[in-house]
Amino acid sequence: MTMLATNTNIHSELTIDTIPPKVSLTTPTNLKTGISKTGTIILKLTEDIKSYSFNKIP
């Protein structure tokens, strides 16, 4: 989808990405056993997104 934003001072064209990223890699791997409950989980996606950290999951 392409949007055109205009006003008296600004004229720009924005392209909105409508395809969500997909998970391409996980650490630990799927179905891995013996994982620490306090260990780090890493997800790699097919495109960059704004990062976020979870300190505690209830």
PDB file of N, CA and C in Angstrom:
ATOM      1  N   MET A   1       0.847  -1.158   0.000  1.00  0.00           N
ATOM      2  CA  MET A   1       0.000   0.000   0.000  1.00  0.00           C
ATOM      3  C   MET A   1       0.898   1.228   0.000  1.00  0.00           C
ATOM      4  N   THR A   2       0.584   2.195  -0.793  1.00  0.00           N
ATOM      5  CA  THR A   2       1.325   3.447  -0.843  1.00  0.00           C
ATOM      6  C   THR A   2       0.416   4.578  -0.406  1.00  0.00           C
ATOM      7  N   MET A   3       0.933   5.423   0.476  1.00  0.00           N
ATOM      8  CA  MET A   3       0.157   6.552   0.964  1.00  0.00           C
ATOM      9  C   MET A   3       0.877   7.834   0.587  1.00  0.00           C
ATOM     10  N   LEU A   4       0.136   8.852   0.297  1.00  0.00           N
ATOM     11  CA  LEU A   4       0.701  10.154  -0.027  1.00  0.00           C
ATOM     12  C   LEU A   4       0.296  11.136   1.065  1.00  0.00           C
ATOM     13  N   ALA A   5       1.299  11.710   1.744  1.00  0.00           N
ATOM     14  CA  ALA A   5       1.022  12.659   2.814  1.00  0.00           C
ATOM     15  C   ALA A   5       1.385  14.058   2.330  1.00  0.00           C
ATOM     16  N   THR A   6       0.452  14.980   2.460  1.00  0.00           N
ATOM     17  CA  THR A   6       0.741  16.345   2.015  1.00  0.00           C
ATOM     18  C   THR A   6       0.194  17.365   3.002  1.00  0.00           C
ATOM     19  N   ASN A   7       0.860  18.462   3.116  1.00  0.00           N
ATOM     20  CA  ASN A   7       0.354  19.671   3.746  1.00  0.00           C
ATOM     21  C   ASN A   7       1.149  20.818   3.135  1.00  0.00           C
ATOM     22  N   THR A   8       1.027  22.003   3.654  1.00  0.00           N
ATOM     23  CA  THR A   8       1.686  23.147   3.012  1.00  0.00           C
ATOM     24  C   THR A   8       3.204  23.076   3.080  1.00  0.00           C
ATOM     25  N   ASN A   9       3.766  22.318   4.037  1.00  0.00           N
ATOM     26  CA  ASN A   9       5.214  22.254   4.219  1.00  0.00           C
ATOM     27  C   ASN A   9       5.832  20.905   3.858  1.00  0.00           C
ATOM     28  N   ILE A  10       5.045  19.846   3.842  1.00  0.00           N
ATOM     29  CA  ILE A  10       5.589  18.497   3.673  1.00  0.00           C
ATOM     30  C   ILE A  10       4.908  17.796   2.509  1.00  0.00           C
ATOM     31  N   HIS A  11       5.693  17.123   1.715  1.00  0.00           N
ATOM     32  CA  HIS A  11       5.161  16.270   0.654  1.00  0.00           C
ATOM     33  C   HIS A  11       6.062  15.038   0.605  1.00  0.00           C
ATOM     34  N   SER A  12       5.540  13.886   1.013  1.00  0.00           N
ATOM     35  CA  SER A  12       6.355  12.676   1.002  1.00  0.00           C
ATOM     36  C   SER A  12       5.484  11.471   0.696  1.00  0.00           C
ATOM     37  N   GLU A  13       6.122  10.445   0.195  1.00  0.00           N
ATOM     38  CA  GLU A  13       5.435   9.206  -0.131  1.00  0.00           C
ATOM     39  C   GLU A  13       5.926   8.123   0.812  1.00  0.00           C
ATOM     40  N   LEU A  14       4.998   7.391   1.415  1.00  0.00           N
ATOM     41  CA  LEU A  14       5.321   6.325   2.346  1.00  0.00           C
ATOM     42  C   LEU A  14       4.852   4.995   1.779  1.00  0.00           C
ATOM     43  N   THR A  15       5.685   3.972   1.904  1.00  0.00           N
ATOM     44  CA  THR A  15       5.279   2.629   1.526  1.00  0.00           C
ATOM     45  C   THR A  15       5.124   1.809   2.791  1.00  0.00           C
ATOM     46  N   ILE A  16       3.963   1.243   2.996  1.00  0.00           N
ATOM     47  CA  ILE A  16       3.675   0.461   4.195  1.00  0.00           C
ATOM     48  C   ILE A  16       3.882  -1.014   3.889  1.00  0.00           C
ATOM     49  N   ASP A  17       4.733  -1.654   4.699  1.00  0.00           N
ATOM     50  CA  ASP A  17       5.011  -3.086   4.560  1.00  0.00           C
ATOM     51  C   ASP A  17       3.866  -3.860   5.196  1.00  0.00           C
ATOM     52  N   THR A  18       3.096  -4.587   4.408  1.00  0.00           N
ATOM     53  CA  THR A  18       1.952  -5.335   4.933  1.00  0.00           C
ATOM     54  C   THR A  18       2.257  -6.814   5.138  1.00  0.00           C
ATOM     55  N   ILE A  19       3.490  -7.233   4.847  1.00  0.00           N
ATOM     56  CA  ILE A  19       3.884  -8.629   5.032  1.00  0.00           C
ATOM     57  C   ILE A  19       4.645  -8.748   6.349  1.00  0.00           C
ATOM     58  N   PRO A  20       4.101  -9.510   7.322  1.00  0.00           N
ATOM     59  CA  PRO A  20       4.774  -9.616   8.616  1.00  0.00           C
ATOM     60  C   PRO A  20       6.048 -10.458   8.513  1.00  0.00           C
ATOM     61  N   PRO A  21       7.029 -10.198   9.395  1.00  0.00           N
ATOM     62  CA  PRO A  21       8.233 -11.027   9.402  1.00  0.00           C
ATOM     63  C   PRO A  21       7.910 -12.430   9.900  1.00  0.00           C
ATOM     64  N   LYS A  22       8.748 -13.384   9.528  1.00  0.00           N
ATOM     65  CA  LYS A  22       8.590 -14.773   9.977  1.00  0.00           C
ATOM     66  C   LYS A  22       9.799 -15.157  10.819  1.00  0.00           C
ATOM     67  N   VAL A  23       9.615 -16.099  11.738  1.00  0.00           N
ATOM     68  CA  VAL A  23      10.723 -16.612  12.548  1.00  0.00           C
ATOM     69  C   VAL A  23      11.578 -17.503  11.661  1.00  0.00           C
ATOM     70  N   SER A  24      12.876 -17.195  11.570  1.00  0.00           N
ATOM     71  CA  SER A  24      13.776 -17.996  10.730  1.00  0.00           C
ATOM     72  C   SER A  24      14.743 -18.842  11.550  1.00  0.00           C
ATOM     73  N   LEU A  25      14.904 -18.526  12.852  1.00  0.00           N
ATOM     74  CA  LEU A  25      15.829 -19.273  13.705  1.00  0.00           C
ATOM     75  C   LEU A  25      15.428 -19.064  15.156  1.00  0.00           C
ATOM     76  N   THR A  26      15.528 -20.100  15.964  1.00  0.00           N
ATOM     77  CA  THR A  26      15.287 -19.972  17.398  1.00  0.00           C
ATOM     78  C   THR A  26      16.439 -20.611  18.165  1.00  0.00           C
ATOM     79  N   THR A  27      16.768 -20.031  19.308  1.00  0.00           N
ATOM     80  CA  THR A  27      17.726 -20.617  20.237  1.00  0.00           C
ATOM     81  C   THR A  27      17.106 -20.494  21.614  1.00  0.00           C
ATOM     82  N   PRO A  28      16.916 -21.593  22.322  1.00  0.00           N
ATOM     83  CA  PRO A  28      17.221 -22.965  21.943  1.00  0.00           C
ATOM     84  C   PRO A  28      16.329 -23.447  20.797  1.00  0.00           C
ATOM     85  N   THR A  29      16.769 -24.479  20.126  1.00  0.00           N
ATOM     86  CA  THR A  29      16.036 -25.012  18.982  1.00  0.00           C
ATOM     87  C   THR A  29      14.721 -25.651  19.427  1.00  0.00           C
ATOM     88  N   ASN A  30      13.810 -25.805  18.481  1.00  0.00           N
ATOM     89  CA  ASN A  30      12.506 -26.399  18.738  1.00  0.00           C
ATOM     90  C   ASN A  30      12.662 -27.814  19.304  1.00  0.00           C
ATOM     91  N   LEU A  31      11.858 -28.130  20.303  1.00  0.00           N
ATOM     92  CA  LEU A  31      11.801 -29.438  20.968  1.00  0.00           C
ATOM     93  C   LEU A  31      13.059 -29.786  21.757  1.00  0.00           C
ATOM     94  N   LYS A  32      13.916 -28.821  22.024  1.00  0.00           N
ATOM     95  CA  LYS A  32      15.123 -29.036  22.821  1.00  0.00           C
ATOM     96  C   LYS A  32      14.715 -29.330  24.260  1.00  0.00           C
ATOM     97  N   THR A  33      15.349 -30.288  24.898  1.00  0.00           N
ATOM     98  CA  THR A  33      15.047 -30.625  26.289  1.00  0.00           C
ATOM     99  C   THR A  33      16.184 -30.157  27.192  1.00  0.00           C
ATOM    100  N   GLY A  34      15.916 -30.119  28.490  1.00  0.00           N
ATOM    101  CA  GLY A  34      16.926 -29.728  29.464  1.00  0.00           C
ATOM    102  C   GLY A  34      17.266 -28.249  29.452  1.00  0.00           C
ATOM    103  N   ILE A  35      16.321 -27.423  29.094  1.00  0.00           N
ATOM    104  CA  ILE A  35      16.538 -25.980  29.002  1.00  0.00           C
ATOM    105  C   ILE A  35      16.287 -25.322  30.355  1.00  0.00           C
ATOM    106  N   SER A  36      17.152 -24.398  30.747  1.00  0.00           N
ATOM    107  CA  SER A  36      16.989 -23.662  31.988  1.00  0.00           C
ATOM    108  C   SER A  36      15.770 -22.746  31.900  1.00  0.00           C
ATOM    109  N   LYS A  37      15.014 -22.656  32.986  1.00  0.00           N
ATOM    110  CA  LYS A  37      13.860 -21.758  33.030  1.00  0.00           C
ATOM    111  C   LYS A  37      14.291 -20.299  33.030  1.00  0.00           C
ATOM    112  N   THR A  38      15.527 -20.021  33.373  1.00  0.00           N
ATOM    113  CA  THR A  38      16.013 -18.647  33.417  1.00  0.00           C
ATOM    114  C   THR A  38      16.960 -18.341  32.254  1.00  0.00           C
ATOM    115  N   GLY A  39      17.052 -19.235  31.300  1.00  0.00           N
ATOM    116  CA  GLY A  39      17.936 -19.045  30.154  1.00  0.00           C
ATOM    117  C   GLY A  39      17.413 -18.004  29.178  1.00  0.00           C
ATOM    118  N   THR A  40      18.253 -17.652  28.240  1.00  0.00           N
ATOM    119  CA  THR A  40      17.916 -16.664  27.226  1.00  0.00           C
ATOM    120  C   THR A  40      17.281 -17.337  26.017  1.00  0.00           C
ATOM    121  N   ILE A  41      16.234 -16.730  25.488  1.00  0.00           N
ATOM    122  CA  ILE A  41      15.586 -17.198  24.264  1.00  0.00           C
ATOM    123  C   ILE A  41      15.890 -16.181  23.173  1.00  0.00           C
ATOM    124  N   ILE A  42      16.357 -16.661  22.037  1.00  0.00           N
ATOM    125  CA  ILE A  42      16.684 -15.779  20.919  1.00  0.00           C
ATOM    126  C   ILE A  42      15.840 -16.165  19.713  1.00  0.00           C
ATOM    127  N   LEU A  43      15.215 -15.179  19.095  1.00  0.00           N
ATOM    128  CA  LEU A  43      14.448 -15.370  17.870  1.00  0.00           C
ATOM    129  C   LEU A  43      15.086 -14.538  16.776  1.00  0.00           C
ATOM    130  N   LYS A  44      15.327 -15.138  15.625  1.00  0.00           N
ATOM    131  CA  LYS A  44      15.796 -14.379  14.468  1.00  0.00           C
ATOM    132  C   LYS A  44      14.639 -14.322  13.478  1.00  0.00           C
ATOM    133  N   LEU A  45      14.365 -13.118  12.982  1.00  0.00           N
ATOM    134  CA  LEU A  45      13.258 -12.919  12.059  1.00  0.00           C
ATOM    135  C   LEU A  45      13.777 -12.634  10.658  1.00  0.00           C
ATOM    136  N   THR A  46      12.897 -12.767   9.675  1.00  0.00           N
ATOM    137  CA  THR A  46      13.271 -12.569   8.277  1.00  0.00           C
ATOM    138  C   THR A  46      13.490 -11.104   7.922  1.00  0.00           C
ATOM    139  N   GLU A  47      13.143 -10.183   8.833  1.00  0.00           N
ATOM    140  CA  GLU A  47      13.411  -8.763   8.615  1.00  0.00           C
ATOM    141  C   GLU A  47      13.594  -8.081   9.958  1.00  0.00           C
ATOM    142  N   ASP A  48      14.236  -6.935   9.955  1.00  0.00           N
ATOM    143  CA  ASP A  48      14.475  -6.190  11.180  1.00  0.00           C
ATOM    144  C   ASP A  48      13.177  -5.609  11.715  1.00  0.00           C
ATOM    145  N   ILE A  49      13.058  -5.632  13.046  1.00  0.00           N
ATOM    146  CA  ILE A  49      11.937  -4.988  13.726  1.00  0.00           C
ATOM    147  C   ILE A  49      12.501  -4.210  14.905  1.00  0.00           C
ATOM    148  N   LYS A  50      11.674  -3.398  15.540  1.00  0.00           N
ATOM    149  CA  LYS A  50      12.095  -2.690  16.744  1.00  0.00           C
ATOM    150  C   LYS A  50      12.313  -3.736  17.839  1.00  0.00           C
ATOM    151  N   SER A  51      13.460  -3.696  18.515  1.00  0.00           N
ATOM    152  CA  SER A  51      13.772  -4.702  19.523  1.00  0.00           C
ATOM    153  C   SER A  51      13.001  -4.467  20.816  1.00  0.00           C
ATOM    154  N   TYR A  52      12.847  -5.533  21.566  1.00  0.00           N
ATOM    155  CA  TYR A  52      12.152  -5.483  22.840  1.00  0.00           C
ATOM    156  C   TYR A  52      12.738  -6.544  23.740  1.00  0.00           C
ATOM    157  N   SER A  53      12.880  -6.261  25.014  1.00  0.00           N
ATOM    158  CA  SER A  53      13.404  -7.225  25.983  1.00  0.00           C
ATOM    159  C   SER A  53      12.335  -7.551  27.013  1.00  0.00           C
ATOM    160  N   PHE A  54      12.230  -8.825  27.332  1.00  0.00           N
ATOM    161  CA  PHE A  54      11.351  -9.282  28.395  1.00  0.00           C
ATOM    162  C   PHE A  54      12.237  -9.627  29.592  1.00  0.00           C
ATOM    163  N   ASN A  55      11.988  -9.008  30.718  1.00  0.00           N
ATOM    164  CA  ASN A  55      12.759  -9.323  31.904  1.00  0.00           C
ATOM    165  C   ASN A  55      12.163 -10.493  32.677  1.00  0.00           C
ATOM    166  N   LYS A  56      10.872 -10.654  32.613  1.00  0.00           N
ATOM    167  CA  LYS A  56      10.216 -11.723  33.351  1.00  0.00           C
ATOM    168  C   LYS A  56       8.916 -12.084  32.676  1.00  0.00           C
ATOM    169  N   ILE A  57       8.711 -13.356  32.471  1.00  0.00           N
ATOM    170  CA  ILE A  57       7.445 -13.848  31.930  1.00  0.00           C
ATOM    171  C   ILE A  57       6.741 -14.573  33.062  1.00  0.00           C
ATOM    172  N   PRO A  58       5.533 -14.152  33.399  1.00  0.00           N
ATOM    173  CA  PRO A  58       4.817 -14.767  34.546  1.00  0.00           C
ATOM    174  C   PRO A  58       4.513 -16.237  34.322  1.00  0.00           C
TER     175      PRO A  58
END
